[in-house]
Amino acid sequence: MNSGTFDGGLLNLASWTGNVILPTLAVLILAMAIFKYAHREPGERYIAGAMAALCVSGLVRLAEAFVGTSSGADQYYQAILNLANWVGNVILPVYAGIEVVRAVVGFRYYDPQKPYADMWMRHVMTAGACLSVSALIRLLEYFIAQGTAGVGVQG
């Protein structure tokens, strides 16, 4: 695709939005959550906003990767492979990082006498589960790449 065409401009705009603007916005929103935490105000909505910005960034980049794949019968295989790469390499580790931030923010409310005192631990467990699933996806990708190395399917 020529970068001087309208289609090339839209592709560059989507790439710029997904790679630069939305992750930067997510970092600024997380900075606002830390600021609210420092002033003993609830910051859960900011963490949810940062997660939404990163999810939209991932979806924009996923759509960009889907458009850039080959055509024909190989297109569906490449789309599923791109989806697995994005879930395992981007979405789950980023969500694990957000859950660690939520655990740190939630630790402020820790009181052993309250029934909701272990909510911060739930965020830590969620982060660990996300990283475990991400590692399993990477391991499966490795085994699939090793199994199809001489068959003609490229991954």
Foldseek 3Di string as FASTA:
>chain_A
DDCPDPVNVVLVVLCCQLPPVLQVVLVVLVVVLVVCLVVVHHSVVSLVVSLVSNVVSLVSVLVSQLVPDDDDPCSVVSSVVSVLCSQLPPNLQVQLVSLLVVLVSLCVVADVVDPCNCVSVVSNVSSVVSNVVSVVSVVVVVVVCVVCVPVPDHD
